[in-house]
């Protein structure tokens, strides 16, 4: 009886965690874009990227995320560039 109760509680707990991950998915994409902007700043000699360019890039990805999250990665070159970004810790 104790094992069955523990399994039920753990299953419910894991389900709650998965639901929370799904709800925060949009924020994860925004975090990745923020890291990408930081990477662009590094390649720009640590000079800030223009606000106009940032807004255009953010609008582009916002559109893509609402229509197809993977459409921005449509070639091996795009995937290689994405893999060079730092991993979240």
Foldseek 3Di string as FASTA:
>chain_A
DVVVVVVVVVVVVVVVVVVVCVVCVVVVVVVLLVLVLVVVCVVVVVDHDDPVVSVVVVVVCVVCVVPPNCPQPDDPVSVVVSVPGDDDD
